[in-house]
Amino acid sequence: MTWLLLSTGLALANPTAQELAQGMAEVRAAIDAHAVYKLEFTDDELQQLSKEGGIARRWEKLDGADRVIGLTWTDVPRDQLWVAIQDDDNWDGVVEGLSEETLPDSVVGHKWLFQHVDLPWPFANRQWLIEITNNTTLVEKSGGAVWERTWVPSDRRDAKTIEPDAVWVEVNDGGWFLVQVGGGTLLSYHARTVVGGNIPDRVATRYAYSTLDNMLLQIVERAEAAAEHYSGDHKLLYRPDGSPISVFQ
């Protein structure tokens, strides 16, 4: 199994910026035609990813709230990355104080998720409800090379754990973007949010930008650990094309 590479120390060297650019060029048409977020990466960003452990960050100016984008390249098998991204019930949360509730009618590749975060005084707690979708069309049109998982705000309000006095976050969208390139995976995370209340948009964006490195590193570490964690009678998780990921042990 490919995950055994993790235990043998046979890590791959990072691809060059030129190899990354070539790999992106090969799937560019599929991304432009079918991606929800048609992410493009600069030469400087790809150059940063060619370095061992390289992480690139971008603060994208938009009307309203800005978007932050982080990306890295890893040789951890993509199935393990996908397990780490999806395995909400079995990992410690990246955000301290975050709790979650999956809503009814959620199915493989399409779910509604209520999230609530406890904030220290004097800030009010925040809560939001998002619709999360796997981009099955992009998987097909890219020949399986590009996986995309995105979320947008939902107007559903039927979660059982809604806190009456918490502030609703009305702007919250983003996604995960995985491209098979250079013998590994170019992994990207992006998000845009307005937390409301007495927290200025720019402060929230600056915080999100400052945590991108840690977010990506944690996902890669969780993906490495998935080689042992996703085993036995673990609940099956699924690729964005709907096929099940067999347990690794």
Protein backbone atom coordinates (compact mmCIF):
# COMPACT_ATOMS: atom_id res chain seq x y z
CA MET A 1 0.00 0.00 0.00
CA THR A 2 1.23 3.50 -0.77
CA TRP A 3 0.88 4.67 2.84
CA LEU A 4 3.72 2.35 3.85
CA LEU A 5 6.11 4.92 2.36
CA LEU A 6 5.48 6.97 5.47
CA SER A 7 7.01 4.39 7.74
CA THR A 8 10.08 3.69 5.59
CA GLY A 9 11.41 7.25 5.40
CA LEU A 10 11.32 7.20 1.58
CA ALA A 11 10.05 10.77 1.29
CA LEU A 12 9.99 12.25 -2.18
CA ALA A 13 11.92 15.39 -3.02
CA ASN A 14 9.74 18.40 -3.68
CA PRO A 15 9.10 18.97 -7.38
CA THR A 16 10.61 22.04 -9.00
CA ALA A 17 8.52 25.14 -9.62
CA GLN A 18 8.60 24.29 -13.32
CA GLU A 19 7.24 20.79 -12.66
CA LEU A 20 4.46 22.22 -10.51
CA ALA A 21 3.60 24.78 -13.19
CA GLN A 22 3.53 22.08 -15.86
CA GLY A 23 1.25 19.91 -13.75
CA MET A 24 -1.13 22.81 -13.16
CA ALA A 25 -1.11 23.65 -16.89
CA GLU A 26 -2.25 20.12 -17.70
CA VAL A 27 -5.44 20.52 -15.62
CA ARG A 28 -5.96 24.24 -16.19
CA ALA A 29 -8.78 23.79 -18.71
CA ALA A 30 -10.72 21.51 -16.36
CA ILE A 31 -10.25 23.92 -13.46
CA ASP A 32 -11.32 26.95 -15.49
CA ALA A 33 -14.42 25.17 -16.77
CA HIS A 34 -15.59 23.28 -13.69
CA ALA A 35 -13.98 24.46 -10.41
CA VAL A 36 -16.08 26.44 -7.96
CA TYR A 37 -12.99 28.51 -7.10
CA LYS A 38 -10.71 28.70 -10.12
CA LEU A 39 -7.50 28.99 -8.14
CA GLU A 40 -4.32 30.01 -9.91
CA PHE A 41 -0.89 30.10 -8.31
CA THR A 42 1.91 32.55 -9.05
CA ASP A 43 5.47 31.67 -10.05
CA ASP A 44 6.69 32.95 -6.68
CA GLU A 45 4.20 30.73 -4.83
CA LEU A 46 5.22 27.65 -6.82
CA GLN A 47 8.87 28.50 -6.19
CA GLN A 48 8.14 28.54 -2.46
CA LEU A 49 6.46 25.13 -2.70
CA SER A 50 9.53 23.66 -4.39
CA LYS A 51 11.40 24.03 -1.09
CA GLU A 52 11.16 21.29 1.52
CA GLY A 53 8.31 22.14 3.88
CA GLY A 54 7.47 25.20 1.81
CA ILE A 55 4.17 26.97 2.46
CA ALA A 56 2.85 29.93 0.48
CA ARG A 57 0.20 32.37 1.69
CA ARG A 58 -1.87 35.00 -0.09
CA TRP A 59 -4.22 37.75 1.12
CA GLU A 60 -6.62 38.38 -1.76
CA LYS A 61 -8.39 41.75 -1.80
CA LEU A 62 -12.08 41.50 -2.67
CA ASP A 63 -15.21 43.61 -2.42
CA GLY A 64 -16.41 43.11 1.14
CA ALA A 65 -14.44 40.53 3.11
CA ASP A 66 -11.04 39.50 1.75
CA ARG A 67 -10.00 35.90 1.06
CA VAL A 68 -6.92 34.17 2.47
CA ILE A 69 -5.28 31.31 0.59
CA GLY A 70 -2.62 28.90 1.81
CA LEU A 71 -0.90 26.14 -0.13
CA THR A 72 1.77 23.50 0.27
CA TRP A 73 3.01 20.38 -1.51
CA THR A 74 3.26 16.99 0.17
CA ASP A 75 4.08 13.41 -0.78
CA VAL A 76 1.58 12.05 1.76
CA PRO A 77 -0.89 9.94 -0.27
CA ARG A 78 -3.93 11.91 -1.29
CA ASP A 79 -6.38 9.42 0.23
CA GLN A 80 -4.80 10.11 3.62
CA LEU A 81 -5.11 13.86 3.11
CA TRP A 82 -8.77 13.41 2.23
CA VAL A 83 -9.33 11.33 5.37
CA ALA A 84 -7.69 14.06 7.47
CA ILE A 85 -9.90 16.76 5.93
CA GLN A 86 -13.14 14.82 6.45
CA ASP A 87 -12.63 12.94 9.71
CA ASP A 88 -14.40 15.48 11.92
CA ASP A 89 -15.44 13.04 14.64
CA ASN A 90 -12.03 11.57 15.43
CA TRP A 91 -9.56 14.45 15.47
CA ASP A 92 -9.03 17.32 17.84
CA GLY A 93 -10.36 20.49 16.24
CA VAL A 94 -7.97 22.95 14.64
CA VAL A 95 -9.94 25.81 16.22
CA GLU A 96 -9.98 25.92 20.03
CA GLY A 97 -13.49 25.96 21.47
CA LEU A 98 -15.13 24.73 18.25
CA SER A 99 -18.06 22.32 18.40
CA GLU A 100 -19.97 20.85 15.46
CA GLU A 101 -23.28 19.21 14.56
CA THR A 102 -24.01 17.45 11.27
CA LEU A 103 -27.60 18.09 10.19
CA PRO A 104 -30.17 15.60 8.85
CA ASP A 105 -30.31 15.00 5.09
CA SER A 106 -26.50 15.06 4.90
CA VAL A 107 -25.12 12.41 2.56
CA VAL A 108 -21.72 11.40 1.21
CA GLY A 109 -20.24 14.39 -0.59
CA HIS A 110 -22.97 16.84 0.45
CA LYS A 111 -23.64 17.82 4.03
CA TRP A 112 -24.89 20.64 6.21
CA LEU A 113 -22.75 21.46 9.23
CA PHE A 114 -23.52 23.70 12.20
CA GLN A 115 -20.46 25.04 13.96
CA HIS A 116 -20.16 27.02 17.18
CA VAL A 117 -17.08 28.54 18.77
CA ASP A 118 -16.69 29.77 22.35
CA LEU A 119 -14.82 33.07 22.49
CA PRO A 120 -13.24 34.64 25.57
CA TRP A 121 -14.87 37.62 27.26
CA PRO A 122 -15.66 40.32 26.19
CA PHE A 123 -16.49 38.77 22.80
CA ALA A 124 -19.79 37.02 22.15
CA ASN A 125 -19.70 33.43 20.95
CA ARG A 126 -20.04 32.88 17.21
CA GLN A 127 -22.05 30.30 15.28
CA TRP A 128 -22.69 29.52 11.63
CA LEU A 129 -24.28 26.91 9.39
CA ILE A 130 -22.64 25.88 6.14
CA GLU A 131 -23.39 23.64 3.17
CA ILE A 132 -20.38 21.52 2.15
CA THR A 133 -20.14 19.98 -1.32
CA ASN A 134 -17.63 17.80 -3.15
CA ASN A 135 -17.11 18.83 -6.77
CA THR A 136 -17.78 15.54 -8.57
CA THR A 137 -17.80 17.14 -12.02
CA LEU A 138 -14.29 18.52 -11.58
CA VAL A 139 -13.00 15.09 -10.53
CA GLU A 140 -14.42 13.57 -13.70
CA LYS A 141 -13.34 16.32 -16.11
CA SER A 142 -9.79 16.43 -14.72
CA GLY A 143 -9.36 12.67 -15.03
CA GLY A 144 -9.28 12.39 -11.24
CA ALA A 145 -6.34 14.80 -10.90
CA VAL A 146 -8.21 17.60 -9.09
CA TRP A 147 -10.33 17.24 -5.97
CA GLU A 148 -12.33 20.19 -4.62
CA ARG A 149 -14.46 20.47 -1.48
CA THR A 150 -16.20 23.79 -0.85
CA TRP A 151 -18.60 25.36 1.61
CA VAL A 152 -21.03 28.27 1.51
CA PRO A 153 -23.41 29.72 4.13
CA SER A 154 -26.76 27.97 4.53
CA ASP A 155 -30.02 29.53 5.68
CA ARG A 156 -31.04 26.34 7.52
CA ARG A 157 -31.62 26.95 11.22
CA ASP A 158 -32.63 23.49 12.46
CA ALA A 159 -29.51 22.55 14.41
CA LYS A 160 -30.22 21.27 17.91
CA THR A 161 -27.28 23.08 19.51
CA ILE A 162 -27.96 26.65 18.36
CA GLU A 163 -27.13 29.17 21.10
CA PRO A 164 -29.80 31.92 21.22
CA ASP A 165 -27.37 34.66 22.26
CA ALA A 166 -24.44 33.80 19.97
CA VAL A 167 -23.70 36.02 16.96
CA TRP A 168 -24.50 34.46 13.59
CA VAL A 169 -21.67 34.54 11.06
CA GLU A 170 -23.43 35.28 7.78
CA VAL A 171 -20.36 35.38 5.47
CA ASN A 172 -18.33 32.18 5.58
CA ASP A 173 -17.17 30.44 2.41
CA GLY A 174 -14.07 28.62 1.29
CA GLY A 175 -12.70 25.23 0.39
CA TRP A 176 -10.01 22.61 0.01
CA PHE A 177 -8.28 22.16 -3.33
CA LEU A 178 -6.06 19.14 -4.03
CA VAL A 179 -4.14 18.71 -7.30
CA GLN A 180 -2.17 15.57 -8.09
CA VAL A 181 1.13 16.94 -9.39
CA GLY A 182 4.87 16.26 -9.13
CA GLY A 183 4.42 12.79 -7.69
CA GLY A 184 2.41 14.15 -4.76
CA THR A 185 -0.36 16.60 -3.96
CA LEU A 186 -0.56 20.37 -4.11
CA LEU A 187 -2.82 21.09 -1.14
CA SER A 188 -4.61 24.42 -0.84
CA TYR A 189 -7.01 25.86 1.73
CA HIS A 190 -8.87 29.13 1.35
CA ALA A 191 -11.50 30.97 3.35
CA ARG A 192 -13.42 34.23 3.53
CA THR A 193 -15.48 35.29 6.54
CA VAL A 194 -17.16 38.19 8.31
CA VAL A 195 -17.49 37.34 11.99
CA GLY A 196 -19.71 40.33 12.79
CA GLY A 197 -20.35 41.96 16.13
CA ASN A 198 -17.55 44.19 17.42
CA ILE A 199 -14.74 42.37 15.61
CA PRO A 200 -13.66 44.29 12.48
CA ASP A 201 -13.48 42.31 9.24
CA ARG A 202 -9.79 43.09 8.78
CA VAL A 203 -8.92 41.76 12.24
CA ALA A 204 -10.67 38.47 11.49
CA THR A 205 -8.96 38.19 8.10
CA ARG A 206 -5.55 38.95 9.62
CA TYR A 207 -6.08 36.20 12.19
CA ALA A 208 -7.10 33.70 9.50
CA TYR A 209 -4.06 34.67 7.44
CA SER A 210 -1.73 34.21 10.41
CA THR A 211 -3.02 30.67 11.06
CA LEU A 212 -2.70 29.33 7.49
CA ASP A 213 0.72 27.75 8.09
CA ASN A 214 -0.48 25.91 11.17
CA MET A 215 -3.71 24.84 9.44
CA LEU A 216 -1.84 23.19 6.57
CA LEU A 217 0.82 21.64 8.80
CA GLN A 218 -1.85 20.13 11.05
CA ILE A 219 -3.70 18.61 8.10
CA VAL A 220 -0.50 17.03 6.77
CA GLU A 221 0.34 15.69 10.25
CA ARG A 222 -3.17 14.30 10.62
CA ALA A 223 -2.86 12.72 7.17
CA GLU A 224 0.39 11.04 8.21
CA ALA A 225 -1.28 9.73 11.37
CA ALA A 226 -4.22 8.44 9.30
CA ALA A 227 -2.01 5.57 8.13
CA GLU A 228 -2.62 4.00 11.55
CA HIS A 229 -5.74 5.83 12.72
CA TYR A 230 -7.95 4.99 9.75
CA SER A 231 -8.05 1.27 10.37
CA GLY A 232 -10.08 -1.63 11.69
CA ASP A 233 -13.75 -0.80 12.06
CA HIS A 234 -13.34 2.96 11.48
CA LYS A 235 -16.35 4.50 9.75
CA LEU A 236 -15.69 4.49 6.01
CA LEU A 237 -14.95 7.81 4.35
CA TYR A 238 -15.30 8.57 0.66
CA ARG A 239 -13.38 10.24 -2.14
CA PRO A 240 -15.05 13.16 -3.94
CA ASP A 241 -16.13 10.82 -6.76
CA GLY A 242 -18.14 8.81 -4.18
CA SER A 243 -15.85 5.77 -4.06
CA PRO A 244 -15.01 4.45 -0.57
CA ILE A 245 -11.51 4.78 0.88
CA SER A 246 -10.62 1.33 2.23
CA VAL A 247 -9.11 1.35 5.70
CA PHE A 248 -5.31 1.39 5.59
CA GLN A 249 -4.83 -1.48 8.08
